């Protein structure tokens, strides 16, 4: 006589439910998209007299720690004919790697004027984000700052 195994119905239902909940991941269109951070730029001091040393701080606010914003090149345009850049040598991105979110630079202004300082974040020569701040430098003894 053949041997029969009896499996309780609860065990069969549990296996079916388990296999349904572990099913394939959601299609790409349904996955949550990473939120991009916003780039803000602050200058200190914003108003000064010549000669002036200005500290600028670019900061990524909000958003997710997306690979796109990991280890960017940062280019500063000082609006006086000078530019400077910062590029880091970073290890490969791993999920969960936190982003560097604050970048600072210092620049000296030797002439009076209103300067629109701009910062661009680049990845593989592609602009990720841009921000700007205005710095006003007055000449000493010049009532109009010119």
C-alpha atoms as a PDB file:
ATOM      1  CA  UNK A   1       0.000   0.000   0.000  1.00  0.00           C
ATOM      2  CA  UNK A   2       1.496   3.430  -1.004  1.00  0.00           C
ATOM      3  CA  UNK A   3       2.393   5.859   1.762  1.00  0.00           C
ATOM      4  CA  UNK A   4       0.387   9.131   1.736  1.00  0.00           C
ATOM      5  CA  UNK A   5       1.459  12.334   3.445  1.00  0.00           C
ATOM      6  CA  UNK A   6      -1.275  14.552   4.777  1.00  0.00           C
ATOM      7  CA  UNK A   7      -0.446  18.292   4.806  1.00  0.00           C
ATOM      8  CA  UNK A   8      -2.784  20.529   6.804  1.00  0.00           C
ATOM      9  CA  UNK A   9      -4.546  23.170   4.676  1.00  0.00           C
ATOM     10  CA  UNK A  10      -3.121  25.984   6.871  1.00  0.00           C
ATOM     11  CA  UNK A  11       0.437  25.063   5.790  1.00  0.00           C
ATOM     12  CA  UNK A  12      -0.519  25.171   2.099  1.00  0.00           C
ATOM     13  CA  UNK A  13      -2.202  28.575   2.515  1.00  0.00           C
ATOM     14  CA  UNK A  14       0.867  29.951   4.363  1.00  0.00           C
ATOM     15  CA  UNK A  15       3.196  28.834   1.560  1.00  0.00           C
ATOM     16  CA  UNK A  16       0.975  30.433  -1.097  1.00  0.00           C
ATOM     17  CA  UNK A  17       0.703  33.717   0.810  1.00  0.00           C
ATOM     18  CA  UNK A  18       4.444  33.795   1.456  1.00  0.00           C
ATOM     19  CA  UNK A  19       5.210  33.278  -2.228  1.00  0.00           C
ATOM     20  CA  UNK A  20       2.834  36.101  -3.172  1.00  0.00           C
ATOM     21  CA  UNK A  21       4.372  38.608  -0.781  1.00  0.00           C
ATOM     22  CA  UNK A  22       7.922  37.861  -1.928  1.00  0.00           C
ATOM     23  CA  UNK A  23       6.972  38.259  -5.577  1.00  0.00           C
ATOM     24  CA  UNK A  24       8.918  40.336  -8.119  1.00  0.00           C
ATOM     25  CA  UNK A  25       9.836  43.962  -7.268  1.00  0.00           C
ATOM     26  CA  UNK A  26       7.664  46.818  -8.494  1.00  0.00           C
ATOM     27  CA  UNK A  27       8.210  47.971 -12.082  1.00  0.00           C
ATOM     28  CA  UNK A  28      10.693  50.827 -12.564  1.00  0.00           C
ATOM     29  CA  UNK A  29       7.926  53.370 -13.157  1.00  0.00           C
ATOM     30  CA  UNK A  30       6.377  52.613  -9.773  1.00  0.00           C
ATOM     31  CA  UNK A  31       9.572  52.840  -7.718  1.00  0.00           C
ATOM     32  CA  UNK A  32      10.012  55.996  -5.704  1.00  0.00           C
ATOM     33  CA  UNK A  33      12.278  58.434  -7.509  1.00  0.00           C
ATOM     34  CA  UNK A  34      15.135  59.983  -5.548  1.00  0.00           C
ATOM     35  CA  UNK A  35      14.425  63.552  -4.483  1.00  0.00           C
ATOM     36  CA  UNK A  36      17.089  65.985  -5.647  1.00  0.00           C
ATOM     37  CA  UNK A  37      18.658  68.256  -3.061  1.00  0.00           C
ATOM     38  CA  UNK A  38      18.555  72.050  -3.520  1.00  0.00           C
ATOM     39  CA  UNK A  39      21.824  74.009  -3.720  1.00  0.00           C
ATOM     40  CA  UNK A  40      21.956  77.216  -1.647  1.00  0.00           C
ATOM     41  CA  UNK A  41      24.787  79.755  -1.550  1.00  0.00           C
ATOM     42  CA  UNK A  42      25.644  82.177   1.263  1.00  0.00           C
ATOM     43  CA  UNK A  43      28.323  84.857   1.272  1.00  0.00           C
ATOM     44  CA  UNK A  44      29.849  86.487   4.321  1.00  0.00           C
ATOM     45  CA  UNK A  45      30.172  89.385   4.468  1.00  0.00           C
ATOM     46  CA  UNK A  46      27.651  90.392   1.815  1.00  0.00           C
ATOM     47  CA  UNK A  47      28.609  94.081   2.203  1.00  0.00           C
ATOM     48  CA  UNK A  48      32.174  95.246   2.883  1.00  0.00           C
ATOM     49  CA  UNK A  49      34.939  97.698   2.008  1.00  0.00           C
ATOM     50  CA  UNK A  50      38.036  97.102  -0.125  1.00  0.00           C
ATOM     51  CA  UNK A  51      40.095  95.074   0.251  1.00  0.00           C
ATOM     52  CA  UNK A  52      37.595  92.399   1.231  1.00  0.00           C
ATOM     53  CA  UNK A  53      37.917  88.694   1.959  1.00  0.00           C
ATOM     54  CA  UNK A  54      34.633  86.883   1.396  1.00  0.00           C
ATOM     55  CA  UNK A  55      33.737  83.396   2.602  1.00  0.00           C
ATOM     56  CA  UNK A  56      31.104  81.606   0.504  1.00  0.00           C
ATOM     57  CA  UNK A  57      29.308  78.450   1.575  1.00  0.00           C
ATOM     58  CA  UNK A  58      27.405  76.254  -0.867  1.00  0.00           C
ATOM     59  CA  UNK A  59      25.099  73.766   0.803  1.00  0.00           C
ATOM     60  CA  UNK A  60      22.932  70.943  -0.503  1.00  0.00           C
ATOM     61  CA  UNK A  61      19.643  70.997   1.402  1.00  0.00           C
ATOM     62  CA  UNK A  62      16.936  68.344   1.492  1.00  0.00           C
ATOM     63  CA  UNK A  63      16.653  65.540  -0.995  1.00  0.00           C
ATOM     64  CA  UNK A  64      18.058  62.049  -0.862  1.00  0.00           C
ATOM     65  CA  UNK A  65      21.688  60.923  -0.786  1.00  0.00           C
ATOM     66  CA  UNK A  66      21.580  60.073  -4.499  1.00  0.00           C
ATOM     67  CA  UNK A  67      24.650  58.860  -6.363  1.00  0.00           C
ATOM     68  CA  UNK A  68      24.209  61.691  -8.878  1.00  0.00           C
ATOM     69  CA  UNK A  69      25.278  64.209  -6.194  1.00  0.00           C
ATOM     70  CA  UNK A  70      28.103  62.087  -4.780  1.00  0.00           C
ATOM     71  CA  UNK A  71      31.577  63.608  -5.074  1.00  0.00           C
ATOM     72  CA  UNK A  72      30.803  66.446  -7.512  1.00  0.00           C
ATOM     73  CA  UNK A  73      33.229  68.955  -8.943  1.00  0.00           C
ATOM     74  CA  UNK A  74      32.480  72.438  -7.572  1.00  0.00           C
ATOM     75  CA  UNK A  75      33.271  75.478  -9.746  1.00  0.00           C
ATOM     76  CA  UNK A  76      33.210  79.003  -8.289  1.00  0.00           C
ATOM     77  CA  UNK A  77      32.821  82.042 -10.586  1.00  0.00           C
ATOM     78  CA  UNK A  78      33.732  85.162  -8.623  1.00  0.00           C
ATOM     79  CA  UNK A  79      32.426  87.673 -11.230  1.00  0.00           C
ATOM     80  CA  UNK A  80      35.719  89.588 -11.219  1.00  0.00           C
ATOM     81  CA  UNK A  81      37.421  87.523 -13.908  1.00  0.00           C
ATOM     82  CA  UNK A  82      38.597  84.796 -11.504  1.00  0.00           C
ATOM     83  CA  UNK A  83      37.346  81.240 -11.212  1.00  0.00           C
ATOM     84  CA  UNK A  84      38.321  78.393  -8.951  1.00  0.00           C
ATOM     85  CA  UNK A  85      37.412  74.722  -8.799  1.00  0.00           C
ATOM     86  CA  UNK A  86      37.431  71.894  -6.307  1.00  0.00           C
ATOM     87  CA  UNK A  87      37.500  68.229  -7.277  1.00  0.00           C
ATOM     88  CA  UNK A  88      37.840  65.442  -4.738  1.00  0.00           C
ATOM     89  CA  UNK A  89      39.222  61.948  -5.178  1.00  0.00           C
ATOM     90  CA  UNK A  90      36.415  59.848  -3.712  1.00  0.00           C
ATOM     91  CA  UNK A  91      35.987  56.109  -3.271  1.00  0.00           C
ATOM     92  CA  UNK A  92      33.256  54.474  -5.373  1.00  0.00           C
ATOM     93  CA  UNK A  93      29.671  55.212  -4.325  1.00  0.00           C
ATOM     94  CA  UNK A  94      27.927  52.563  -2.247  1.00  0.00           C
ATOM     95  CA  UNK A  95      24.210  52.657  -1.369  1.00  0.00           C
ATOM     96  CA  UNK A  96      23.905  54.392   1.982  1.00  0.00           C
ATOM     97  CA  UNK A  97      27.039  56.505   1.460  1.00  0.00           C
ATOM     98  CA  UNK A  98      26.293  59.985   2.841  1.00  0.00           C
ATOM     99  CA  UNK A  99      26.809  62.984   0.565  1.00  0.00           C
ATOM    100  CA  UNK A 100      29.171  65.810   1.322  1.00  0.00           C
ATOM    101  CA  UNK A 101      26.645  68.623   1.635  1.00  0.00           C
ATOM    102  CA  UNK A 102      28.743  71.703   2.476  1.00  0.00           C
ATOM    103  CA  UNK A 103      31.450  73.300   0.335  1.00  0.00           C
ATOM    104  CA  UNK A 104      33.323  76.501   1.233  1.00  0.00           C
ATOM    105  CA  UNK A 105      35.742  78.816  -0.513  1.00  0.00           C
ATOM    106  CA  UNK A 106      37.397  82.152   0.236  1.00  0.00           C
ATOM    107  CA  UNK A 107      38.025  84.945  -2.286  1.00  0.00           C
ATOM    108  CA  UNK A 108      39.627  88.385  -2.060  1.00  0.00           C
ATOM    109  CA  UNK A 109      38.101  91.419  -3.776  1.00  0.00           C
ATOM    110  CA  UNK A 110      40.461  94.358  -4.345  1.00  0.00           C
ATOM    111  CA  UNK A 111      38.121  96.667  -6.266  1.00  0.00           C
ATOM    112  CA  UNK A 112      34.768  98.155  -5.395  1.00  0.00           C
ATOM    113  CA  UNK A 113      31.778  96.682  -7.188  1.00  0.00           C
ATOM    114  CA  UNK A 114      28.698  94.508  -7.038  1.00  0.00           C
ATOM    115  CA  UNK A 115      29.638  90.895  -7.709  1.00  0.00           C
ATOM    116  CA  UNK A 116      27.301  88.031  -8.557  1.00  0.00           C
ATOM    117  CA  UNK A 117      29.154  84.995  -7.163  1.00  0.00           C
ATOM    118  CA  UNK A 118      28.035  81.739  -8.790  1.00  0.00           C
ATOM    119  CA  UNK A 119      28.688  78.122  -7.892  1.00  0.00           C
ATOM    120  CA  UNK A 120      28.070  75.130 -10.135  1.00  0.00           C
ATOM    121  CA  UNK A 121      28.150  71.475  -9.172  1.00  0.00           C
ATOM    122  CA  UNK A 122      29.255  69.199 -11.993  1.00  0.00           C
ATOM    123  CA  UNK A 123      29.436  65.468 -12.542  1.00  0.00           C
ATOM    124  CA  UNK A 124      31.218  64.287 -15.673  1.00  0.00           C
ATOM    125  CA  UNK A 125      31.051  67.863 -17.064  1.00  0.00           C
ATOM    126  CA  UNK A 126      27.261  67.910 -16.663  1.00  0.00           C
ATOM    127  CA  UNK A 127      25.723  70.613 -14.454  1.00  0.00           C
ATOM    128  CA  UNK A 128      23.835  69.159 -11.495  1.00  0.00           C
ATOM    129  CA  UNK A 129      22.935  72.361  -9.684  1.00  0.00           C
ATOM    130  CA  UNK A 130      23.707  76.088  -9.659  1.00  0.00           C
ATOM    131  CA  UNK A 131      23.278  78.875  -7.128  1.00  0.00           C
ATOM    132  CA  UNK A 132      24.330  82.508  -6.782  1.00  0.00           C
ATOM    133  CA  UNK A 133      24.744  85.233  -4.173  1.00  0.00           C
ATOM    134  CA  UNK A 134      25.458  88.947  -4.463  1.00  0.00           C
ATOM    135  CA  UNK A 135      28.455  90.563  -2.762  1.00  0.00           C
ATOM    136  CA  UNK A 136      28.782  94.356  -2.633  1.00  0.00           C
ATOM    137  CA  UNK A 137      32.246  95.817  -2.035  1.00  0.00           C
ATOM    138  CA  UNK A 138      32.556  99.570  -1.385  1.00  0.00           C
ATOM    139  CA  UNK A 139      35.696 101.632  -1.830  1.00  0.00           C
ATOM    140  CA  UNK A 140      37.007 103.321   1.310  1.00  0.00           C
ATOM    141  CA  UNK A 141      36.145 107.015   1.340  1.00  0.00           C
ATOM    142  CA  UNK A 142      33.936 106.609  -1.725  1.00  0.00           C
ATOM    143  CA  UNK A 143      30.430 107.743  -0.807  1.00  0.00           C
ATOM    144  CA  UNK A 144      28.873 105.847  -3.712  1.00  0.00           C
ATOM    145  CA  UNK A 145      31.088 102.773  -3.447  1.00  0.00           C
ATOM    146  CA  UNK A 146      32.416 103.175  -6.988  1.00  0.00           C
END
